[in-house]
Amino acid sequence: MPAKAAELASAEMRRVVPINAAGWPVLDMIFLGMGGDGHVASLFPPANPAPASDIYFAVVASKPPPERITICYEVIAAARKVWVLVSGSGKETALKESLSEAGKTPLARVVRLRDYTRVLTNLK
C-alpha cells in the first residue's frame, strides 16, 4: 500500500508543481524536523540510498510507524527554501555531525546538496 500511495503522490506533485530542468518539482519551501539520529523527512541513516527514480517512495522506518512514504533528496535539494527545526534533548551530537563537512546523517546530505539551508535550533 505505501508504494501505491507514493506513486499517486508523485503523480499529483508532477501535476501541480513546476518542474526544473533535471525533472524534479521545485517547491517554494520545505520545513523539516531533525530526529535524534539526524534523520529528516523519514530519510533515516544510512544517508546514501540510490538516486531516486520518483518524487516519493516507500520506506521502512526504524521507528513507528514502520511503513511510510517519504520525499526524495533530489526534491528537497531543488526547493527554493529549506528550513530545519532541531529541538529537544539528546540531539546535540547528531546536529553537530550534520553540520560538519564530513557528516554522514541524512541532514548532512541535505545541507551538502544545497547552497543554503536554514537550521533553527535552541541547542548549544
Protein backbone atom coordinates (compact mmCIF):
# COMPACT_ATOMS: atom_id res chain seq x y z
CA MET A 1 0.00 0.00 0.00
CA PRO A 2 2.77 2.58 0.72
CA ALA A 3 4.25 2.02 -2.75
CA LYS A 4 0.89 2.82 -4.37
CA ALA A 5 0.49 5.90 -2.16
CA ALA A 6 3.96 7.07 -3.20
CA GLU A 7 3.11 6.56 -6.86
CA LEU A 8 -0.13 8.57 -6.56
CA ALA A 9 1.54 11.37 -4.55
CA SER A 10 4.35 11.61 -7.12
CA ALA A 11 1.85 11.92 -9.98
CA GLU A 12 -0.08 14.63 -8.15
CA MET A 13 3.10 16.58 -7.36
CA ARG A 14 4.11 16.49 -11.03
CA ARG A 15 0.65 17.72 -11.97
CA VAL A 16 0.60 20.80 -9.71
CA VAL A 17 4.23 21.88 -9.11
CA PRO A 18 6.67 23.43 -11.64
CA ILE A 19 9.43 21.03 -12.74
CA ASN A 20 13.11 22.05 -13.08
CA ALA A 21 15.49 21.13 -15.93
CA ALA A 22 16.55 17.98 -14.07
CA GLY A 23 12.92 16.80 -13.91
CA TRP A 24 12.29 17.47 -10.22
CA PRO A 25 9.48 19.59 -8.79
CA VAL A 26 10.53 22.94 -7.33
CA LEU A 27 8.67 23.61 -4.10
CA ASP A 28 8.74 27.13 -2.66
CA MET A 29 9.60 25.88 0.82
CA ILE A 30 10.17 22.66 2.72
CA PHE A 31 10.08 22.74 6.53
CA LEU A 32 11.70 19.72 8.16
CA GLY A 33 12.38 18.49 11.67
CA MET A 34 15.51 16.52 12.59
CA GLY A 35 15.38 13.33 14.66
CA GLY A 36 17.93 12.24 17.24
CA ASP A 37 19.86 10.22 14.64
CA GLY A 38 19.97 13.11 12.15
CA HIS A 39 17.07 11.84 10.04
CA VAL A 40 14.77 14.21 8.16
CA ALA A 41 11.60 13.54 6.15
CA SER A 42 11.65 9.83 7.08
CA LEU A 43 15.07 9.57 5.40
CA PHE A 44 16.86 7.51 8.03
CA PRO A 45 20.56 6.59 8.29
CA PRO A 46 22.42 5.41 6.36
CA ALA A 47 22.07 8.63 4.38
CA ASN A 48 23.07 7.36 0.94
CA PRO A 49 20.25 5.45 -0.76
CA ALA A 50 20.41 5.08 -4.52
CA PRO A 51 19.35 8.13 -6.54
CA ALA A 52 15.61 8.49 -6.61
CA SER A 53 13.57 7.28 -9.54
CA ASP A 54 10.48 9.13 -8.34
CA ILE A 55 9.49 12.02 -6.09
CA TYR A 56 8.03 9.91 -3.29
CA PHE A 57 8.95 6.36 -2.35
CA ALA A 58 8.05 3.79 0.29
CA VAL A 59 10.40 3.25 3.23
CA VAL A 60 10.52 1.01 6.26
CA ALA A 61 11.40 3.28 9.17
CA SER A 62 13.50 2.36 12.18
CA LYS A 63 10.77 3.78 14.45
CA PRO A 64 6.98 3.64 14.44
CA PRO A 65 5.15 3.70 12.19
CA PRO A 66 7.43 1.41 10.19
CA GLU A 67 5.66 1.68 6.81
CA ARG A 68 5.85 5.21 5.41
CA ILE A 69 6.36 7.20 2.27
CA THR A 70 8.95 9.94 2.01
CA ILE A 71 10.15 12.55 -0.41
CA CYS A 72 13.49 12.05 -2.14
CA TYR A 73 16.69 14.05 -1.53
CA GLU A 74 16.54 15.46 -5.06
CA VAL A 75 13.23 17.24 -4.39
CA ILE A 76 14.50 18.63 -1.09
CA ALA A 77 17.62 19.88 -2.88
CA ALA A 78 15.54 21.54 -5.62
CA ALA A 79 13.33 23.53 -3.22
CA ARG A 80 13.73 27.30 -3.18
CA LYS A 81 13.98 27.32 0.63
CA VAL A 82 14.60 24.56 3.15
CA TRP A 83 14.27 25.22 6.87
CA VAL A 84 15.05 22.61 9.50
CA LEU A 85 13.89 22.79 13.13
CA VAL A 86 16.13 20.97 15.61
CA SER A 87 14.90 20.98 19.20
CA GLY A 88 14.74 18.57 22.11
CA SER A 89 17.32 16.99 24.32
CA GLY A 90 19.70 14.37 23.00
CA LYS A 91 20.07 15.82 19.51
CA GLU A 92 23.26 17.84 20.05
CA THR A 93 25.61 15.16 18.70
CA ALA A 94 23.51 14.49 15.59
CA LEU A 95 23.22 18.22 14.89
CA LYS A 96 26.98 18.73 15.26
CA GLU A 97 27.67 15.84 12.88
CA SER A 98 25.02 17.05 10.44
CA LEU A 99 26.65 20.46 10.19
CA SER A 100 30.20 19.13 9.80
CA GLU A 101 31.78 18.75 6.35
CA ALA A 102 32.24 15.02 6.94
CA GLY A 103 28.74 14.48 8.36
CA LYS A 104 27.04 11.23 7.40
CA THR A 105 23.49 11.89 8.59
CA PRO A 106 20.54 12.49 6.27
CA LEU A 107 20.50 16.14 7.36
CA ALA A 108 24.21 16.41 6.46
CA ARG A 109 23.38 15.15 2.98
CA VAL A 110 20.60 17.75 2.61
CA VAL A 111 22.99 20.51 3.70
CA ARG A 112 25.64 19.36 1.19
CA LEU A 113 23.13 19.20 -1.68
CA ARG A 114 22.04 22.81 -1.25
CA ASP A 115 23.72 26.21 -1.39
CA TYR A 116 21.81 27.36 1.69
CA THR A 117 19.71 25.57 4.29
CA ARG A 118 18.39 27.41 7.35
CA VAL A 119 18.72 25.43 10.57
CA LEU A 120 16.70 26.73 13.51
CA THR A 121 17.68 25.40 16.94
CA ASN A 122 17.82 26.16 20.63
CA LEU A 123 20.58 23.57 21.16
CA LYS A 124 24.13 24.52 22.03
